[in-house]
Amino acid sequence: MTTTPDPAFAGRTYPAGPVHTVSAAKIAEFARATGATSPLHTDPDAARRAGHAGVLAPPTFLVSLAQATEAQYIEDPEAGIDFSRVVHGEETFTLHRPVVAGDQLVPTLTVEGVRAAGGHTMVTTRVDLADPTGAEVAAVRSMIVVRGD
């Protein structure tokens, strides 16, 4: 394995991952862990009264699915990512519609950029999440810094 991320991975899109079904229990667990206290995240009746088909996921809920999807790239020995040298840079979320319990999401990973900066490497990825029909649901963009020597 190399110790420097390979810039040739920029622009690479990996095959879509398996369908992931969003569960009410995972939404409630995430809400508790992040201090999201709205009953829309834990009470199905409150969520329905607000017009949602199920409990509503907090906007950052998708981070765990995005990170699991990014593993395709991070764990690829040819990519040159030494995870012991990774520092999280930033994360952004684009929601095309609310995510609720019962949603089925299909993640697709794209490595958007790999660039050198001050002796380190900045890697930007995007995980697009669609429903099984291909309709966009959300996108999670991440930037990591792979520390140089």
N, C-alpha and C. Protein backbone atom coordinates (compact mmCIF):
# COMPACT_ATOMS: atom_id res chain seq x y z
N MET A 1 0.85 -1.19 0.00
CA MET A 1 0.00 0.00 0.00
C MET A 1 0.88 1.24 0.00
N THR A 2 0.52 2.22 -0.81
CA THR A 2 1.22 3.50 -0.77
C THR A 2 0.77 4.26 0.46
N THR A 3 1.50 5.29 0.81
CA THR A 3 1.11 6.10 1.97
C THR A 3 0.60 7.47 1.57
N THR A 4 0.46 7.71 0.28
CA THR A 4 -0.07 8.97 -0.22
C THR A 4 -1.28 8.67 -1.10
N PRO A 5 -2.40 9.37 -0.85
CA PRO A 5 -3.58 9.13 -1.69
C PRO A 5 -3.29 9.37 -3.17
N ASP A 6 -3.76 8.48 -3.99
CA ASP A 6 -3.55 8.52 -5.42
C ASP A 6 -4.51 9.52 -6.06
N PRO A 7 -3.97 10.61 -6.68
CA PRO A 7 -4.85 11.60 -7.30
C PRO A 7 -5.64 11.05 -8.49
N ALA A 8 -5.23 9.91 -9.03
CA ALA A 8 -5.96 9.32 -10.16
C ALA A 8 -7.36 8.85 -9.76
N PHE A 9 -7.63 8.75 -8.46
CA PHE A 9 -8.96 8.34 -8.00
C PHE A 9 -9.98 9.46 -8.13
N ALA A 10 -9.53 10.71 -8.30
CA ALA A 10 -10.46 11.83 -8.46
C ALA A 10 -11.35 11.58 -9.67
N GLY A 11 -12.63 11.72 -9.47
CA GLY A 11 -13.60 11.49 -10.54
C GLY A 11 -14.15 10.07 -10.58
N ARG A 12 -13.59 9.19 -9.79
CA ARG A 12 -14.05 7.79 -9.79
C ARG A 12 -15.38 7.66 -9.06
N THR A 13 -16.32 6.99 -9.69
CA THR A 13 -17.59 6.65 -9.05
C THR A 13 -17.64 5.15 -8.87
N TYR A 14 -17.92 4.74 -7.66
CA TYR A 14 -18.01 3.32 -7.33
C TYR A 14 -19.41 2.80 -7.65
N PRO A 15 -19.57 1.50 -7.81
CA PRO A 15 -20.90 0.94 -8.03
C PRO A 15 -21.82 1.24 -6.84
N ALA A 16 -23.09 1.40 -7.13
CA ALA A 16 -24.07 1.68 -6.08
C ALA A 16 -24.03 0.58 -5.03
N GLY A 17 -24.21 1.01 -3.78
CA GLY A 17 -24.23 0.06 -2.68
C GLY A 17 -25.58 -0.62 -2.56
N PRO A 18 -25.70 -1.50 -1.59
CA PRO A 18 -26.98 -2.18 -1.39
C PRO A 18 -28.04 -1.22 -0.84
N VAL A 19 -29.30 -1.59 -1.02
CA VAL A 19 -30.41 -0.81 -0.48
C VAL A 19 -30.34 -0.83 1.05
N HIS A 20 -30.48 0.33 1.64
CA HIS A 20 -30.48 0.47 3.09
C HIS A 20 -31.86 0.98 3.51
N THR A 21 -32.51 0.26 4.42
CA THR A 21 -33.81 0.69 4.93
C THR A 21 -33.62 1.46 6.22
N VAL A 22 -34.12 2.69 6.24
CA VAL A 22 -34.01 3.56 7.41
C VAL A 22 -35.00 3.08 8.47
N SER A 23 -34.50 2.87 9.69
CA SER A 23 -35.39 2.38 10.74
C SER A 23 -35.70 3.47 11.76
N ALA A 24 -36.90 3.40 12.32
CA ALA A 24 -37.32 4.34 13.35
C ALA A 24 -36.41 4.21 14.57
N ALA A 25 -35.99 2.99 14.89
CA ALA A 25 -35.13 2.79 16.05
C ALA A 25 -33.79 3.50 15.87
N LYS A 26 -33.21 3.41 14.67
CA LYS A 26 -31.92 4.08 14.41
C LYS A 26 -32.08 5.60 14.42
N ILE A 27 -33.21 6.10 13.90
CA ILE A 27 -33.45 7.54 13.95
C ILE A 27 -33.53 8.00 15.40
N ALA A 28 -34.29 7.28 16.22
CA ALA A 28 -34.43 7.65 17.64
C ALA A 28 -33.08 7.58 18.36
N GLU A 29 -32.31 6.55 18.06
CA GLU A 29 -30.99 6.39 18.68
C GLU A 29 -30.08 7.57 18.30
N PHE A 30 -30.09 7.94 17.02
CA PHE A 30 -29.26 9.06 16.57
C PHE A 30 -29.73 10.36 17.20
N ALA A 31 -31.04 10.56 17.26
CA ALA A 31 -31.59 11.77 17.86
C ALA A 31 -31.15 11.90 19.32
N ARG A 32 -31.24 10.81 20.07
CA ARG A 32 -30.80 10.84 21.47
C ARG A 32 -29.31 11.16 21.56
N ALA A 33 -28.51 10.52 20.73
CA ALA A 33 -27.06 10.70 20.79
C ALA A 33 -26.64 12.12 20.43
N THR A 34 -27.42 12.79 19.60
CA THR A 34 -27.05 14.14 19.15
C THR A 34 -27.84 15.23 19.84
N GLY A 35 -28.72 14.86 20.77
CA GLY A 35 -29.49 15.86 21.51
C GLY A 35 -30.62 16.48 20.71
N ALA A 36 -31.07 15.81 19.65
CA ALA A 36 -32.20 16.29 18.86
C ALA A 36 -33.48 15.89 19.59
N THR A 37 -34.16 16.84 20.20
CA THR A 37 -35.26 16.53 21.12
C THR A 37 -36.65 16.63 20.50
N SER A 38 -36.76 16.99 19.24
CA SER A 38 -38.08 17.11 18.62
C SER A 38 -38.80 15.76 18.64
N PRO A 39 -40.08 15.75 19.00
CA PRO A 39 -40.84 14.50 18.96
C PRO A 39 -40.98 13.94 17.54
N LEU A 40 -40.71 14.76 16.53
CA LEU A 40 -40.78 14.26 15.15
C LEU A 40 -39.76 13.15 14.91
N HIS A 41 -38.71 13.10 15.73
CA HIS A 41 -37.67 12.08 15.57
C HIS A 41 -37.97 10.78 16.31
N THR A 42 -38.95 10.82 17.21
CA THR A 42 -39.19 9.64 18.05
C THR A 42 -40.66 9.21 18.13
N ASP A 43 -41.57 10.10 17.80
CA ASP A 43 -43.00 9.82 17.98
C ASP A 43 -43.68 9.72 16.61
N PRO A 44 -44.05 8.50 16.19
CA PRO A 44 -44.69 8.34 14.88
C PRO A 44 -45.97 9.17 14.71
N ASP A 45 -46.75 9.31 15.79
CA ASP A 45 -47.98 10.10 15.69
C ASP A 45 -47.67 11.57 15.46
N ALA A 46 -46.69 12.10 16.16
CA ALA A 46 -46.30 13.50 15.96
C ALA A 46 -45.77 13.70 14.55
N ALA A 47 -45.01 12.74 14.05
CA ALA A 47 -44.47 12.85 12.69
C ALA A 47 -45.60 12.82 11.66
N ARG A 48 -46.57 11.94 11.86
CA ARG A 48 -47.71 11.86 10.92
C ARG A 48 -48.53 13.15 10.95
N ARG A 49 -48.75 13.68 12.16
CA ARG A 49 -49.50 14.94 12.27
C ARG A 49 -48.78 16.07 11.54
N ALA A 50 -47.46 15.98 11.46
CA ALA A 50 -46.67 17.00 10.76
C ALA A 50 -46.57 16.71 9.25
N GLY A 51 -47.22 15.63 8.80
CA GLY A 51 -47.26 15.34 7.38
C GLY A 51 -46.20 14.37 6.87
N HIS A 52 -45.51 13.69 7.78
CA HIS A 52 -44.48 12.73 7.38
C HIS A 52 -45.02 11.30 7.46
N ALA A 53 -44.50 10.44 6.60
CA ALA A 53 -44.95 9.05 6.56
C ALA A 53 -44.39 8.23 7.73
N GLY A 54 -43.36 8.72 8.37
CA GLY A 54 -42.75 8.03 9.51
C GLY A 54 -41.95 9.04 10.29
N VAL A 55 -41.29 8.59 11.37
CA VAL A 55 -40.49 9.53 12.15
C VAL A 55 -39.42 10.14 11.25
N LEU A 56 -39.14 11.39 11.51
CA LEU A 56 -38.26 12.20 10.68
C LEU A 56 -36.81 12.09 11.16
N ALA A 57 -35.91 11.82 10.25
CA ALA A 57 -34.49 11.74 10.60
C ALA A 57 -33.92 13.15 10.73
N PRO A 58 -33.09 13.39 11.75
CA PRO A 58 -32.37 14.67 11.80
C PRO A 58 -31.52 14.82 10.53
N PRO A 59 -31.25 16.04 10.10
CA PRO A 59 -30.53 16.25 8.85
C PRO A 59 -29.17 15.53 8.76
N THR A 60 -28.48 15.41 9.87
CA THR A 60 -27.15 14.78 9.86
C THR A 60 -27.19 13.26 10.04
N PHE A 61 -28.38 12.70 10.13
CA PHE A 61 -28.54 11.25 10.32
C PHE A 61 -27.81 10.43 9.27
N LEU A 62 -27.71 10.93 8.07
CA LEU A 62 -27.15 10.17 6.96
C LEU A 62 -25.64 10.01 7.03
N VAL A 63 -24.99 10.63 8.02
CA VAL A 63 -23.53 10.55 8.10
C VAL A 63 -23.06 9.10 8.25
N SER A 64 -23.74 8.29 9.01
CA SER A 64 -23.28 6.91 9.22
C SER A 64 -23.38 6.08 7.94
N LEU A 65 -24.46 6.26 7.18
CA LEU A 65 -24.59 5.55 5.91
C LEU A 65 -23.54 6.05 4.91
N ALA A 66 -23.29 7.35 4.91
CA ALA A 66 -22.27 7.90 4.02
C ALA A 66 -20.89 7.35 4.38
N GLN A 67 -20.56 7.32 5.64
CA GLN A 67 -19.24 6.81 6.05
C GLN A 67 -19.09 5.33 5.72
N ALA A 68 -20.13 4.56 5.91
CA ALA A 68 -20.06 3.14 5.55
C ALA A 68 -19.84 2.98 4.05
N THR A 69 -20.44 3.85 3.26
CA THR A 69 -20.28 3.80 1.81
C THR A 69 -18.87 4.23 1.40
N GLU A 70 -18.33 5.25 2.07
CA GLU A 70 -16.98 5.74 1.78
C GLU A 70 -15.91 4.68 2.04
N ALA A 71 -16.24 3.67 2.82
CA ALA A 71 -15.28 2.60 3.11
C ALA A 71 -14.80 1.91 1.84
N GLN A 72 -15.64 1.90 0.78
CA GLN A 72 -15.22 1.31 -0.49
C GLN A 72 -13.91 1.94 -0.96
N TYR A 73 -13.81 3.24 -0.81
CA TYR A 73 -12.62 3.98 -1.23
C TYR A 73 -11.52 3.92 -0.18
N ILE A 74 -11.86 4.21 1.06
CA ILE A 74 -10.88 4.27 2.16
C ILE A 74 -10.14 2.94 2.30
N GLU A 75 -10.84 1.83 2.14
CA GLU A 75 -10.24 0.50 2.34
C GLU A 75 -9.61 -0.07 1.08
N ASP A 76 -9.70 0.63 -0.03
CA ASP A 76 -9.08 0.17 -1.28
C ASP A 76 -7.57 0.39 -1.17
N PRO A 77 -6.76 -0.67 -1.13
CA PRO A 77 -5.32 -0.49 -0.94
C PRO A 77 -4.67 0.36 -2.03
N GLU A 78 -5.23 0.37 -3.21
CA GLU A 78 -4.67 1.17 -4.31
C GLU A 78 -4.92 2.67 -4.13
N ALA A 79 -5.91 3.02 -3.29
CA ALA A 79 -6.24 4.44 -3.09
C ALA A 79 -5.16 5.17 -2.30
N GLY A 80 -4.41 4.44 -1.48
CA GLY A 80 -3.32 5.05 -0.72
C GLY A 80 -3.75 5.80 0.52
N ILE A 81 -4.87 5.43 1.10
CA ILE A 81 -5.34 6.10 2.32
C ILE A 81 -4.87 5.32 3.54
N ASP A 82 -4.03 5.96 4.35
CA ASP A 82 -3.62 5.39 5.63
C ASP A 82 -4.56 6.00 6.66
N PHE A 83 -5.56 5.24 7.09
CA PHE A 83 -6.61 5.79 7.95
C PHE A 83 -6.07 6.29 9.28
N SER A 84 -4.92 5.80 9.71
CA SER A 84 -4.33 6.29 10.96
C SER A 84 -3.85 7.74 10.80
N ARG A 85 -3.78 8.22 9.57
CA ARG A 85 -3.32 9.59 9.30
C ARG A 85 -4.47 10.52 8.88
N VAL A 86 -5.70 10.02 8.98
CA VAL A 86 -6.86 10.79 8.52
C VAL A 86 -7.41 11.68 9.65
N VAL A 87 -7.69 12.92 9.26
CA VAL A 87 -8.36 13.86 10.15
C VAL A 87 -9.60 14.35 9.40
N HIS A 88 -10.72 14.41 10.09
CA HIS A 88 -11.95 14.88 9.45
C HIS A 88 -11.84 16.37 9.19
N GLY A 89 -12.22 16.78 7.98
CA GLY A 89 -12.16 18.19 7.62
C GLY A 89 -13.52 18.87 7.71
N GLU A 90 -14.46 18.39 6.92
CA GLU A 90 -15.80 18.97 6.94
C GLU A 90 -16.81 18.01 6.33
N GLU A 91 -18.08 18.30 6.58
CA GLU A 91 -19.18 17.47 6.10
C GLU A 91 -20.33 18.41 5.75
N THR A 92 -20.93 18.22 4.60
CA THR A 92 -22.12 18.99 4.26
C THR A 92 -23.21 18.04 3.78
N PHE A 93 -24.44 18.47 3.99
CA PHE A 93 -25.60 17.66 3.65
C PHE A 93 -26.52 18.45 2.74
N THR A 94 -26.96 17.84 1.67
CA THR A 94 -27.98 18.42 0.80
C THR A 94 -29.16 17.46 0.83
N LEU A 95 -30.28 17.95 1.33
CA LEU A 95 -31.48 17.12 1.41
C LEU A 95 -32.44 17.57 0.32
N HIS A 96 -32.80 16.65 -0.56
CA HIS A 96 -33.78 16.95 -1.60
C HIS A 96 -35.20 16.75 -1.10
N ARG A 97 -35.30 15.99 -0.03
CA ARG A 97 -36.59 15.79 0.65
C ARG A 97 -36.28 15.23 2.03
N PRO A 98 -37.23 15.28 2.96
CA PRO A 98 -36.98 14.71 4.29
C PRO A 98 -36.74 13.20 4.21
N VAL A 99 -35.92 12.71 5.11
CA VAL A 99 -35.68 11.27 5.24
C VAL A 99 -36.50 10.79 6.43
N VAL A 100 -37.29 9.76 6.21
CA VAL A 100 -38.16 9.24 7.26
C VAL A 100 -37.99 7.73 7.41
N ALA A 101 -38.42 7.22 8.56
CA ALA A 101 -38.38 5.78 8.80
C ALA A 101 -39.15 5.06 7.70
N GLY A 102 -38.57 3.98 7.22
CA GLY A 102 -39.18 3.21 6.14
C GLY A 102 -38.59 3.53 4.78
N ASP A 103 -37.90 4.67 4.66
CA ASP A 103 -37.27 5.00 3.39
C ASP A 103 -36.25 3.93 3.02
N GLN A 104 -36.16 3.64 1.75
CA GLN A 104 -35.11 2.77 1.22
C GLN A 104 -34.17 3.65 0.43
N LEU A 105 -32.88 3.58 0.78
CA LEU A 105 -31.88 4.45 0.18
C LEU A 105 -30.79 3.63 -0.48
N VAL A 106 -30.39 4.06 -1.65
CA VAL A 106 -29.31 3.41 -2.40
C VAL A 106 -28.16 4.41 -2.48
N PRO A 107 -27.01 4.10 -1.84
CA PRO A 107 -25.89 5.03 -1.85
C PRO A 107 -24.92 4.78 -3.01
N THR A 108 -24.41 5.88 -3.58
CA THR A 108 -23.40 5.80 -4.62
C THR A 108 -22.28 6.78 -4.28
N LEU A 109 -21.07 6.29 -4.25
CA LEU A 109 -19.89 7.07 -3.85
C LEU A 109 -19.14 7.59 -5.07
N THR A 110 -18.79 8.88 -5.01
CA THR A 110 -17.91 9.49 -6.00
C THR A 110 -16.77 10.17 -5.26
N VAL A 111 -15.55 9.92 -5.70
CA VAL A 111 -14.39 10.65 -5.18
C VAL A 111 -14.31 11.91 -6.03
N GLU A 112 -14.64 13.05 -5.43
CA GLU A 112 -14.69 14.29 -6.21
C GLU A 112 -13.32 14.91 -6.45
N GLY A 113 -12.45 14.81 -5.45
CA GLY A 113 -11.15 15.45 -5.62
C GLY A 113 -10.11 14.90 -4.69
N VAL A 114 -8.86 14.91 -5.16
CA VAL A 114 -7.70 14.50 -4.36
C VAL A 114 -6.62 15.53 -4.70
N ARG A 115 -6.25 16.37 -3.71
CA ARG A 115 -5.26 17.40 -4.01
C ARG A 115 -4.28 17.60 -2.86
N ALA A 116 -3.06 17.93 -3.21
CA ALA A 116 -2.02 18.21 -2.22
C ALA A 116 -2.22 19.61 -1.68
N ALA A 117 -1.96 19.77 -0.38
CA ALA A 117 -2.07 21.09 0.26
C ALA A 117 -1.17 21.12 1.49
N GLY A 118 -0.10 21.90 1.42
CA GLY A 118 0.77 22.07 2.59
C GLY A 118 1.37 20.79 3.14
N GLY A 119 1.73 19.87 2.27
CA GLY A 119 2.32 18.61 2.72
C GLY A 119 1.31 17.54 3.08
N HIS A 120 0.05 17.87 2.99
CA HIS A 120 -1.03 16.93 3.29
C HIS A 120 -1.83 16.69 2.01
N THR A 121 -2.78 15.77 2.08
CA THR A 121 -3.67 15.54 0.93
C THR A 121 -5.11 15.76 1.38
N MET A 122 -5.83 16.55 0.61
CA MET A 122 -7.24 16.83 0.88
C MET A 122 -8.06 15.96 -0.08
N VAL A 123 -8.95 15.16 0.48
CA VAL A 123 -9.77 14.26 -0.32
C VAL A 123 -11.24 14.64 -0.09
N THR A 124 -11.94 14.87 -1.19
CA THR A 124 -13.37 15.20 -1.12
C THR A 124 -14.16 14.07 -1.76
N THR A 125 -15.15 13.56 -1.02
CA THR A 125 -16.03 12.52 -1.55
C THR A 125 -17.47 13.02 -1.48
N ARG A 126 -18.32 12.39 -2.29
CA ARG A 126 -19.75 12.67 -2.24
C ARG A 126 -20.49 11.34 -2.30
N VAL A 127 -21.42 11.17 -1.40
CA VAL A 127 -22.29 10.00 -1.43
C VAL A 127 -23.69 10.49 -1.79
N ASP A 128 -24.14 10.09 -2.97
CA ASP A 128 -25.49 10.42 -3.41
C ASP A 128 -26.41 9.31 -2.94
N LEU A 129 -27.53 9.71 -2.37
CA LEU A 129 -28.52 8.76 -1.87
C LEU A 129 -29.80 8.94 -2.67
N ALA A 130 -30.25 7.85 -3.25
CA ALA A 130 -31.46 7.86 -4.07
C ALA A 130 -32.41 6.79 -3.54
N ASP A 131 -33.67 6.91 -3.94
CA ASP A 131 -34.59 5.82 -3.61
C ASP A 131 -34.43 4.73 -4.68
N PRO A 132 -35.04 3.57 -4.51
CA PRO A 132 -34.84 2.48 -5.47
C PRO A 132 -35.27 2.80 -6.90
N THR A 133 -36.09 3.86 -7.10
CA THR A 133 -36.48 4.25 -8.45
C THR A 133 -35.44 5.18 -9.08
N GLY A 134 -34.45 5.60 -8.29
CA GLY A 134 -33.42 6.51 -8.78
C GLY A 134 -33.67 7.97 -8.44
N ALA A 135 -34.77 8.29 -7.78
CA ALA A 135 -35.06 9.68 -7.40
C ALA A 135 -34.09 10.13 -6.31
N GLU A 136 -33.54 11.33 -6.49
CA GLU A 136 -32.59 11.87 -5.52
C GLU A 136 -33.26 12.10 -4.17
N VAL A 137 -32.56 11.72 -3.10
CA VAL A 137 -33.05 11.96 -1.75
C VAL A 137 -32.11 12.92 -1.04
N ALA A 138 -30.81 12.67 -1.13
CA ALA A 138 -29.83 13.51 -0.42
C ALA A 138 -28.45 13.29 -1.00
N ALA A 139 -27.54 14.17 -0.60
CA ALA A 139 -26.12 14.00 -0.92
C ALA A 139 -25.32 14.40 0.32
N VAL A 140 -24.29 13.62 0.61
CA VAL A 140 -23.41 13.92 1.73
C VAL A 140 -22.01 14.10 1.16
N ARG A 141 -21.47 15.28 1.35
CA ARG A 141 -20.12 15.60 0.86
C ARG A 141 -19.19 15.66 2.07
N SER A 142 -18.06 14.95 1.96
CA SER A 142 -17.08 14.90 3.04
C SER A 142 -15.72 15.32 2.53
N MET A 143 -14.98 15.99 3.40
CA MET A 143 -13.59 16.29 3.09
C MET A 143 -12.75 15.75 4.25
N ILE A 144 -11.76 14.95 3.89
CA ILE A 144 -10.82 14.46 4.89
C ILE A 144 -9.43 14.98 4.55
N VAL A 145 -8.60 15.09 5.56
CA VAL A 145 -7.21 15.47 5.38
C VAL A 145 -6.39 14.24 5.73
N VAL A 146 -5.53 13.83 4.81
CA VAL A 146 -4.61 12.73 5.07
C VAL A 146 -3.27 13.41 5.36
N ARG A 147 -2.87 13.35 6.63
CA ARG A 147 -1.65 14.02 7.06
C ARG A 147 -0.43 13.46 6.35
N GLY A 148 0.42 14.35 5.90
CA GLY A 148 1.67 13.94 5.29
C GLY A 148 2.69 13.53 6.34
N ASP A 149 3.87 13.20 5.88
CA ASP A 149 4.93 12.77 6.82
C ASP A 149 5.47 13.88 7.67
